[in-house]
Protein backbone atom coordinates (compact mmCIF):
# COMPACT_ATOMS: atom_id res chain seq x y z
CA UNK A 1 -5.04 -8.40 -13.60
CA UNK A 2 -6.11 -7.30 -9.95
CA UNK A 3 -6.40 -3.51 -8.85
CA UNK A 4 -3.79 -1.45 -9.76
CA UNK A 5 -2.23 0.35 -6.43
CA UNK A 6 0.34 3.62 -6.30
CA UNK A 7 1.83 2.88 -3.14
CA UNK A 8 4.04 6.33 -1.76
CA UNK A 9 6.41 5.66 1.07
CA UNK A 10 7.17 8.09 3.00
CA UNK A 11 10.61 9.13 4.61
CA UNK A 12 10.07 6.69 7.77
CA UNK A 13 10.60 3.75 5.31
CA UNK A 14 14.08 4.75 4.66
CA UNK A 15 16.82 4.61 6.08
CA UNK A 16 19.68 8.16 6.96
CA UNK A 17 22.75 5.98 5.61
CA UNK A 18 22.44 4.00 3.00
CA UNK A 19 24.15 0.91 5.40
CA UNK A 20 20.65 1.72 7.59
CA UNK A 21 18.14 2.02 4.59
CA UNK A 22 19.44 -1.20 3.20
CA UNK A 23 18.19 -3.06 6.57
CA UNK A 24 14.90 -0.83 7.22
CA UNK A 25 13.62 -1.81 3.42
CA UNK A 26 13.45 -5.58 4.15
CA UNK A 27 10.92 -4.47 6.88
CA UNK A 28 9.21 -1.98 4.53
CA UNK A 29 9.16 -4.84 2.08
CA UNK A 30 7.09 -7.09 4.62
CA UNK A 31 4.50 -4.46 4.58
CA UNK A 32 4.71 -4.32 0.16
CA UNK A 33 4.38 -7.94 -0.40
CA UNK A 34 1.30 -8.53 1.94
CA UNK A 35 -0.32 -6.16 -0.34
CA UNK A 36 1.09 -7.74 -3.59
CA UNK A 37 -0.10 -11.13 -1.72
CA UNK A 38 -3.69 -9.66 -1.46
CA UNK A 39 -3.66 -9.80 -5.42
CA UNK A 40 -2.92 -5.93 -6.02
CA UNK A 41 -0.64 -4.66 -8.51
CA UNK A 42 1.77 -2.21 -7.43
CA UNK A 43 3.77 0.54 -7.83
CA UNK A 44 5.86 2.17 -5.76
CA UNK A 45 7.02 5.52 -5.37
CA UNK A 46 9.36 6.93 -2.37
CA UNK A 47 10.83 10.16 -1.17
CA UNK A 48 14.53 11.25 -1.59
CA UNK A 49 14.73 14.20 0.85
CA UNK A 50 17.79 13.26 2.53
CA UNK A 51 19.33 11.25 -0.35
CA UNK A 52 19.75 13.98 -2.59
CA UNK A 53 21.34 16.47 -0.05
CA UNK A 54 24.01 13.63 0.58
CA UNK A 55 25.02 13.32 -2.63
CA UNK A 56 24.67 16.89 -3.67
CA UNK A 57 26.64 17.85 -0.62
CA UNK A 58 29.11 15.14 -1.21
CA UNK A 59 29.71 16.02 -4.74
CA UNK A 60 29.93 19.70 -3.14
CA UNK A 61 32.67 18.93 -0.59
CA UNK A 62 34.86 16.58 -3.22
CA UNK A 63 34.93 20.06 -5.47
CA UNK A 64 36.09 22.35 -2.89
CA UNK A 65 38.63 19.68 -1.39
CA UNK A 66 40.46 19.69 -5.56
CA UNK A 67 39.20 15.86 -5.88
CA UNK A 68 37.19 16.88 -8.76
CA UNK A 69 36.77 19.47 -10.89
CA UNK A 70 33.22 19.97 -11.28
CA UNK A 71 30.50 19.04 -8.53
CA UNK A 72 27.01 17.25 -9.87
CA UNK A 73 24.19 18.99 -11.17
CA UNK A 74 20.78 18.25 -8.80
CA UNK A 75 19.36 16.93 -11.81
CA UNK A 76 22.03 14.25 -11.72
CA UNK A 77 21.94 14.24 -7.64
CA UNK A 78 18.15 12.88 -8.15
CA UNK A 79 18.97 10.60 -10.61
CA UNK A 80 21.54 8.69 -8.48
CA UNK A 81 19.36 8.91 -5.70
CA UNK A 82 16.52 7.17 -7.77
CA UNK A 83 18.99 4.49 -8.71
CA UNK A 84 20.60 3.06 -4.92
CA UNK A 85 16.99 3.93 -3.38
CA UNK A 86 15.52 1.73 -6.34
CA UNK A 87 18.45 -0.52 -5.75
CA UNK A 88 17.62 -1.34 -2.00
CA UNK A 89 13.84 -1.30 -2.21
CA UNK A 90 13.97 -3.46 -5.70
CA UNK A 91 16.45 -6.19 -3.53
CA UNK A 92 14.51 -6.27 -0.36
CA UNK A 93 11.29 -6.56 -1.69
CA UNK A 94 12.44 -9.43 -4.71
CA UNK A 95 13.93 -11.48 -2.03
CA UNK A 96 10.88 -11.22 -0.01
CA UNK A 97 8.30 -12.00 -2.99
CA UNK A 98 11.10 -14.77 -3.86
CA UNK A 99 10.62 -16.44 0.22
CA UNK A 100 6.70 -16.44 -0.82
CA UNK A 101 7.34 -17.87 -3.87
CA UNK A 102 5.47 -15.19 -5.59
CA UNK A 103 6.78 -15.10 -9.15
CA UNK A 104 6.78 -11.53 -9.81
CA UNK A 105 10.05 -9.40 -11.16
CA UNK A 106 10.57 -5.98 -9.20
CA UNK A 107 12.40 -3.40 -11.24
CA UNK A 108 13.12 0.34 -10.87
CA UNK A 109 12.86 3.06 -13.69
CA UNK A 110 14.85 6.24 -13.67
CA UNK A 111 11.81 8.72 -14.07
CA UNK A 112 11.56 12.09 -15.28
CA UNK A 113 8.76 14.27 -14.72
CA UNK A 114 7.62 17.26 -16.48
CA UNK A 115 6.83 20.52 -14.59
CA UNK A 116 5.92 23.93 -15.85
CA UNK A 117 8.78 26.14 -16.80
CA UNK A 118 6.54 28.90 -16.11
CA UNK A 119 5.71 27.19 -12.83
CA UNK A 120 5.67 30.37 -10.37
CA UNK A 121 7.84 27.96 -7.73
CA UNK A 122 11.14 28.68 -10.27
CA UNK A 123 10.44 32.68 -9.21
CA UNK A 124 10.16 31.52 -5.04
CA UNK A 125 12.31 28.74 -4.53
CA UNK A 126 11.56 27.52 -1.42
CA UNK A 127 12.89 23.79 -0.64
CA UNK A 128 15.87 23.77 1.64
CA UNK A 129 18.37 21.33 0.39
CA UNK A 130 21.93 20.23 1.68
CA UNK A 131 23.86 21.55 5.07
CA UNK A 132 24.46 24.82 6.76
CA UNK A 133 26.87 27.40 6.28
CA UNK A 134 27.91 30.67 7.24
CA UNK A 135 26.66 34.16 6.13
CA UNK A 136 29.90 34.89 4.46
CA UNK A 137 29.97 31.31 3.14
CA UNK A 138 26.60 31.15 1.94
CA UNK A 139 27.39 34.63 -0.05
CA UNK A 140 30.18 32.72 -1.79
CA UNK A 141 28.35 30.11 -3.14
CA UNK A 142 25.76 32.59 -4.10
CA UNK A 143 28.15 34.65 -6.11
CA UNK A 144 30.18 31.72 -7.21
CA UNK A 145 27.23 29.35 -8.45
CA UNK A 146 24.42 31.11 -8.42
CA UNK A 147 22.92 29.44 -5.95
CA UNK A 148 19.86 30.86 -3.81
CA UNK A 149 20.57 30.92 0.09
CA UNK A 150 18.41 31.42 2.46
CA UNK A 151 18.62 31.71 6.63
CA UNK A 152 16.86 28.94 7.95
CA UNK A 153 15.46 29.13 11.21
CA UNK A 154 18.75 30.45 13.15
CA UNK A 155 20.41 27.42 12.12
CA UNK A 156 22.66 29.02 9.44
CA UNK A 157 22.13 29.28 5.66
CA UNK A 158 21.00 26.99 3.08
CA UNK A 159 20.29 26.73 -0.39
CA UNK A 160 16.49 26.28 -1.46
CA UNK A 161 15.75 25.03 -4.86
CA UNK A 162 12.25 25.37 -6.65
CA UNK A 163 9.52 22.78 -5.62
CA UNK A 164 7.60 23.07 -9.12
CA UNK A 165 3.69 21.00 -9.63
CA UNK A 166 4.60 17.88 -11.51
CA UNK A 167 2.19 18.25 -15.19
CA UNK A 168 3.60 14.73 -16.84
CA UNK A 169 5.39 11.51 -16.17
CA UNK A 170 7.38 11.26 -19.49
CA UNK A 171 7.69 7.07 -18.65
CA UNK A 172 3.89 6.83 -17.75
CA UNK A 173 3.27 4.63 -21.23
CA UNK A 174 6.46 1.91 -19.96
CA UNK A 175 4.48 2.27 -16.33
CA UNK A 176 1.54 0.88 -17.36
CA UNK A 177 3.08 -1.59 -20.24
CA UNK A 178 5.15 -3.64 -17.36
CA UNK A 179 2.61 -3.15 -14.41
CA UNK A 180 -0.11 -4.88 -17.32
CA UNK A 181 2.83 -7.45 -17.73
CA UNK A 182 3.03 -8.33 -14.09
CA UNK A 183 5.89 -6.39 -13.11
CA UNK A 184 5.77 -4.00 -9.97
CA UNK A 185 7.82 -1.15 -10.39
CA UNK A 186 9.25 1.14 -8.30
CA UNK A 187 9.31 4.94 -10.40
CA UNK A 188 8.81 8.80 -9.38
CA UNK A 189 11.40 8.18 -7.00
CA UNK A 190 12.02 11.64 -5.04
CA UNK A 191 9.34 12.93 -7.20
CA UNK A 192 11.17 12.40 -9.91
CA UNK A 193 13.77 14.27 -11.94
CA UNK A 194 12.75 17.50 -12.66
CA UNK A 195 12.79 18.44 -16.63
CA UNK A 196 11.24 21.07 -19.05
CA UNK A 197 10.32 20.76 -22.54
CA UNK A 198 12.65 23.27 -24.71
CA UNK A 199 12.82 23.04 -28.37
CA UNK A 200 11.61 19.81 -28.21
CA UNK A 201 13.72 18.07 -26.02
CA UNK A 202 13.25 17.42 -22.46
CA UNK A 203 15.53 19.11 -20.20
CA UNK A 204 16.65 18.63 -16.64
CA UNK A 205 16.37 21.52 -14.28
CA UNK A 206 17.54 21.72 -10.68
CA UNK A 207 13.91 21.74 -8.93
CA UNK A 208 12.53 19.32 -5.93
CA UNK A 209 9.03 17.60 -7.07
CA UNK A 210 6.96 16.98 -3.64
CA UNK A 211 6.72 13.04 -4.23
CA UNK A 212 3.27 12.81 -3.03
CA UNK A 213 2.23 14.86 -5.94
CA UNK A 214 3.95 13.14 -8.43
CA UNK A 215 2.81 10.07 -7.20
CA UNK A 216 -0.87 11.83 -7.32
CA UNK A 217 0.02 12.30 -11.22
CA UNK A 218 1.33 9.16 -11.78
CA UNK A 219 -1.62 7.48 -9.88
CA UNK A 220 -3.94 9.66 -12.68
CA UNK A 221 -1.77 8.95 -15.86
CA UNK A 222 -1.95 5.60 -15.34
CA UNK A 223 -5.31 4.87 -14.11
CA UNK A 224 -4.41 3.58 -11.07
CA UNK A 225 -7.58 2.74 -8.65
CA UNK A 226 -6.14 3.18 -5.40
CA UNK A 227 -3.46 5.75 -4.39
CA UNK A 228 -2.20 4.73 -0.79
CA UNK A 229 0.18 7.31 0.93
CA UNK A 230 2.02 5.65 3.47
CA UNK A 231 3.39 8.05 6.62
CA UNK A 232 3.78 8.04 10.49
CA UNK A 233 0.85 7.96 11.28
CA UNK A 234 -2.07 5.99 11.34
CA UNK A 235 -4.90 8.36 10.44
CA UNK A 236 -5.06 12.03 9.23
CA UNK A 237 -5.97 14.14 12.21
CA UNK A 238 -7.93 17.29 12.92
CA UNK A 239 -7.08 19.32 15.68
CA UNK A 240 -3.87 17.44 15.55
CA UNK A 241 -1.55 17.02 19.37
CA UNK A 242 -4.48 19.42 20.94
CA UNK A 243 -7.38 18.20 23.29
CA UNK A 244 -10.04 17.62 20.80
CA UNK A 245 -7.78 16.06 18.35
CA UNK A 246 -9.47 13.62 16.11
CA UNK A 247 -8.30 10.84 13.89
CA UNK A 248 -10.67 10.93 10.88
CA UNK A 249 -11.71 7.64 9.04
CA UNK A 250 -12.85 9.45 5.65
CA UNK A 251 -13.08 12.31 4.32
CA UNK A 252 -14.91 13.28 0.85
CA UNK A 253 -12.75 16.49 -1.42
CA UNK A 254 -15.23 19.07 -0.02
CA UNK A 255 -14.53 18.04 3.58
CA UNK A 256 -11.08 18.02 2.77
CA UNK A 257 -11.12 21.44 0.98
CA UNK A 258 -12.96 22.87 4.03
CA UNK A 259 -9.93 21.01 6.16
CA UNK A 260 -7.34 23.02 4.10
CA UNK A 261 -8.98 26.29 4.21
CA UNK A 262 -9.03 26.02 8.32
CA UNK A 263 -5.43 25.22 8.47
CA UNK A 264 -5.77 21.85 9.91
CA UNK A 265 -3.01 20.43 7.77
CA UNK A 266 0.67 21.07 8.47
CA UNK A 267 2.40 22.54 5.36
CA UNK A 268 5.62 20.43 5.61
CA UNK A 269 3.56 17.22 6.28
CA UNK A 270 -0.22 16.53 6.21
CA UNK A 271 -0.79 19.24 3.90
CA UNK A 272 0.85 17.99 0.75
CA UNK A 273 -0.51 14.61 1.46
CA UNK A 274 -4.12 15.36 1.62
CA UNK A 275 -3.95 17.73 -1.42
CA UNK A 276 -2.45 15.22 -3.38
CA UNK A 277 -5.53 12.57 -2.34
CA UNK A 278 -8.00 15.08 -3.71
CA UNK A 279 -5.97 15.89 -6.68
CA UNK A 280 -6.29 12.14 -7.46
CA UNK A 281 -9.38 11.63 -6.27
CA UNK A 282 -11.71 14.94 -7.91
CA UNK A 283 -13.89 14.19 -10.19
CA UNK A 284 -13.62 10.59 -10.32
CA UNK A 285 -16.13 8.71 -8.07
CA UNK A 286 -14.04 5.13 -9.01
CA UNK A 287 -11.21 6.00 -7.07
CA UNK A 288 -10.16 6.25 -3.97
CA UNK A 289 -7.09 7.48 -1.93
CA UNK A 290 -6.09 6.20 1.89
CA UNK A 291 -3.82 7.81 3.62
CA UNK A 292 -2.16 5.32 6.92
CA UNK A 293 0.91 4.14 8.26
CA UNK A 294 3.25 1.69 6.57
CA UNK A 295 2.86 -1.16 9.33
CA UNK A 296 -0.73 -0.83 8.97
CA UNK A 297 -0.94 -0.37 4.80
CA UNK A 298 -2.59 -4.53 4.08
CA UNK A 299 -5.65 -3.47 7.28
CA UNK A 300 -6.16 0.53 5.56
CA UNK A 301 -6.53 -1.23 2.37
CA UNK A 302 -8.98 -3.43 3.75
CA UNK A 303 -10.62 -0.70 5.28
CA UNK A 304 -10.04 -1.65 9.24
CA UNK A 305 -8.12 1.65 9.45
CA UNK A 306 -6.24 4.56 7.69
CA UNK A 307 -8.15 7.41 6.47
CA UNK A 308 -9.86 7.08 2.90
CA UNK A 309 -10.31 10.16 1.01
CA UNK A 310 -13.07 9.94 -1.56
CA UNK A 311 -14.88 12.43 -4.61
């Protein structure tokens, strides 16, 4: 076996529609296949922000139009997004591996990720999903369905759901076994389907888990050597888009935490990525995390670009 690596794909690796996505992941798969060809055992994770919102919205509109009797619960929307994004990635990557005569099977696991029922996020929903509504429409949804609706930057009202911290991955042992047996596994799609433990059972809850945090937790639980988070930029920057902007080749945990305290990383973009890397490598000198762009993934793994985070 080679080194085990969890690769977390950013939204730039996927499209805005199913048709666009099916084409875009063909190029994505070329970069992932390069990593596999270099001898790494790959576990693939991905986001689902636009996709889960589209699915949820489609069912909501169908219900409002009288086509169906009830909209689709949010955990099921997450499962649907894992299925169709996973299918596109699985299909494109399998085809790319066959072109290269690499005899590895690719499969997708519909993944449940355990969160704490007492996570403060449940009393403070912050993750916007779906479309924009007028104040009047928002009041109706709040009354009729119990949604939490908030005004979003003057553009209207949107539903917000909790974004709790992942504490476990239900299918972690299956992932470990499959990777050991030579499979390329696509898992924790969209951060996983959030579930809580209740009376000895797993129960789905309406929430969205950050895919970078979920990828970090999966990396930890499956004893990965490397967490590679792929995004739109080649490196992590401090003083981003300022005159004294600086790209970082490496960071220790203590340096990263200092930059976080300084507010160097944007809340909705780089901050969760850096925090996810810190969580993975903290207190473990054998692990490393890398943040880079999709097209530079292989170069980042060879130390030629990207930002490396170590204990």
